[in-house]
Protein backbone atom coordinates (compact mmCIF):
# COMPACT_ATOMS: atom_id res chain seq x y z
CA UNK A 1 -33.03 31.45 -8.91
CA UNK A 2 -29.75 32.84 -9.71
CA UNK A 3 -28.05 32.86 -12.88
CA UNK A 4 -25.52 30.14 -12.07
CA UNK A 5 -28.27 27.95 -10.33
CA UNK A 6 -29.53 24.95 -12.14
CA UNK A 7 -33.15 24.15 -11.93
CA UNK A 8 -34.55 21.16 -10.26
CA UNK A 9 -35.53 18.07 -12.41
CA UNK A 10 -39.02 18.86 -13.63
CA UNK A 11 -42.05 16.40 -13.70
CA UNK A 12 -41.30 15.21 -17.37
CA UNK A 13 -37.76 14.48 -16.56
CA UNK A 14 -38.69 12.72 -13.26
CA UNK A 15 -41.25 10.63 -15.30
CA UNK A 16 -38.48 9.73 -18.03
CA UNK A 17 -36.00 8.67 -15.10
CA UNK A 18 -38.83 6.49 -13.33
CA UNK A 19 -40.24 4.94 -16.48
CA UNK A 20 -36.62 4.09 -17.83
CA UNK A 21 -35.99 2.43 -14.56
CA UNK A 22 -39.14 0.52 -14.50
CA UNK A 23 -38.48 -0.70 -17.94
CA UNK A 24 -34.99 -1.93 -17.12
CA UNK A 25 -35.64 -3.53 -13.62
CA UNK A 26 -39.22 -4.56 -14.16
CA UNK A 27 -40.18 -2.90 -10.82
CA UNK A 28 -40.61 0.33 -9.29
CA UNK A 29 -36.93 1.77 -8.19
CA UNK A 30 -36.58 4.06 -5.35
CA UNK A 31 -34.56 7.30 -6.20
CA UNK A 32 -33.29 9.90 -3.99
CA UNK A 33 -32.66 13.49 -4.73
CA UNK A 34 -29.29 14.98 -3.95
CA UNK A 35 -27.17 17.94 -4.78
CA UNK A 36 -23.79 17.63 -6.32
CA UNK A 37 -21.02 20.51 -6.84
CA UNK A 38 -19.51 20.24 -10.32
CA UNK A 39 -17.17 22.11 -12.20
CA UNK A 40 -19.21 22.64 -15.30
CA UNK A 41 -16.40 24.68 -17.19
CA UNK A 42 -13.11 22.56 -17.20
CA UNK A 43 -11.29 25.77 -17.50
CA UNK A 44 -12.57 27.38 -14.51
CA UNK A 45 -12.24 26.62 -10.64
CA UNK A 46 -15.90 27.55 -9.86
CA UNK A 47 -18.31 25.03 -8.50
CA UNK A 48 -21.74 24.93 -9.53
CA UNK A 49 -24.69 23.36 -7.27
CA UNK A 50 -26.52 20.90 -9.47
CA UNK A 51 -29.52 18.72 -8.79
CA UNK A 52 -29.01 15.01 -9.00
CA UNK A 53 -31.05 11.74 -8.78
CA UNK A 54 -29.44 8.83 -7.03
CA UNK A 55 -30.32 5.14 -6.84
CA UNK A 56 -28.72 1.75 -6.03
CA UNK A 57 -29.12 -1.92 -7.53
CA UNK A 58 -27.11 -4.28 -5.91
CA UNK A 59 -23.69 -3.08 -5.37
CA UNK A 60 -23.85 -0.62 -8.31
CA UNK A 61 -24.79 3.10 -7.49
CA UNK A 62 -26.08 5.33 -9.90
CA UNK A 63 -26.08 9.20 -10.31
CA UNK A 64 -27.85 11.45 -12.98
CA UNK A 65 -26.79 15.10 -12.51
CA UNK A 66 -28.76 17.76 -14.29
CA UNK A 67 -26.28 20.55 -15.18
CA UNK A 68 -28.23 23.03 -17.34
CA UNK A 69 -31.39 23.33 -19.25
CA UNK A 70 -31.88 19.76 -21.21
CA UNK A 71 -28.04 19.02 -20.09
CA UNK A 72 -27.32 15.73 -18.17
CA UNK A 73 -24.41 14.15 -16.90
CA UNK A 74 -24.24 10.42 -15.44
CA UNK A 75 -22.03 7.82 -13.80
CA UNK A 76 -22.14 4.55 -12.07
CA UNK A 77 -19.91 3.44 -9.12
CA UNK A 78 -19.34 0.56 -6.90
CA UNK A 79 -16.58 2.04 -4.45
CA UNK A 80 -14.88 5.23 -4.46
CA UNK A 81 -11.98 4.17 -6.57
CA UNK A 82 -14.67 2.44 -9.15
CA UNK A 83 -16.39 5.03 -10.78
CA UNK A 84 -17.43 4.74 -14.44
CA UNK A 85 -19.12 6.96 -17.01
CA UNK A 86 -20.50 6.34 -20.53
CA UNK A 87 -17.79 8.01 -22.52
CA UNK A 88 -20.06 10.99 -23.01
CA UNK A 89 -19.45 13.87 -20.80
CA UNK A 90 -22.84 15.59 -21.23
CA UNK A 91 -26.18 14.49 -22.84
CA UNK A 92 -28.96 16.66 -24.19
CA UNK A 93 -31.49 13.95 -24.23
CA UNK A 94 -32.32 12.44 -20.80
CA UNK A 95 -33.75 9.18 -22.08
CA UNK A 96 -30.54 8.59 -24.07
CA UNK A 97 -28.52 9.45 -21.04
CA UNK A 98 -30.42 6.92 -18.87
CA UNK A 99 -30.44 4.31 -21.62
CA UNK A 100 -26.66 4.54 -21.98
CA UNK A 101 -26.13 4.57 -18.34
CA UNK A 102 -27.85 1.33 -17.55
CA UNK A 103 -26.45 -0.48 -20.82
CA UNK A 104 -22.76 0.52 -19.96
CA UNK A 105 -23.19 -0.73 -16.17
CA UNK A 106 -24.92 -3.98 -17.71
CA UNK A 107 -22.16 -4.64 -19.94
CA UNK A 108 -19.59 -3.88 -17.22
CA UNK A 109 -21.35 -6.43 -14.84
CA UNK A 110 -21.63 -8.99 -17.43
CA UNK A 111 -17.82 -8.60 -18.25
CA UNK A 112 -17.23 -8.91 -14.45
CA UNK A 113 -19.29 -12.04 -14.13
CA UNK A 114 -17.54 -13.57 -17.27
CA UNK A 115 -14.07 -13.14 -15.73
CA UNK A 116 -14.99 -14.82 -12.38
CA UNK A 117 -16.26 -17.83 -14.14
């Protein structure tokens, strides 16, 4: 692994993701591994290949990306122009990242449902 390469999710991190999803949805959620090129330094143009985990629930799609040792970013989206984060750029606690992501999306979905009524 080169200096600029980010390690894949480890077994403990995968367990945290799966258990958090099972608690939220009360079922096993199928996740997919992906790679994402991200600019980790906002002042540089260099992109870094980072491991990511993706899943969907209804029309919502979710991505958690590992950007370093115990460093994670997350977002959810519906369409290309409907991308949302939690307001925190990088988490150092994966469980907090997951819970925040799921809560922000649930709040957003509830607000959407309210405005449709």
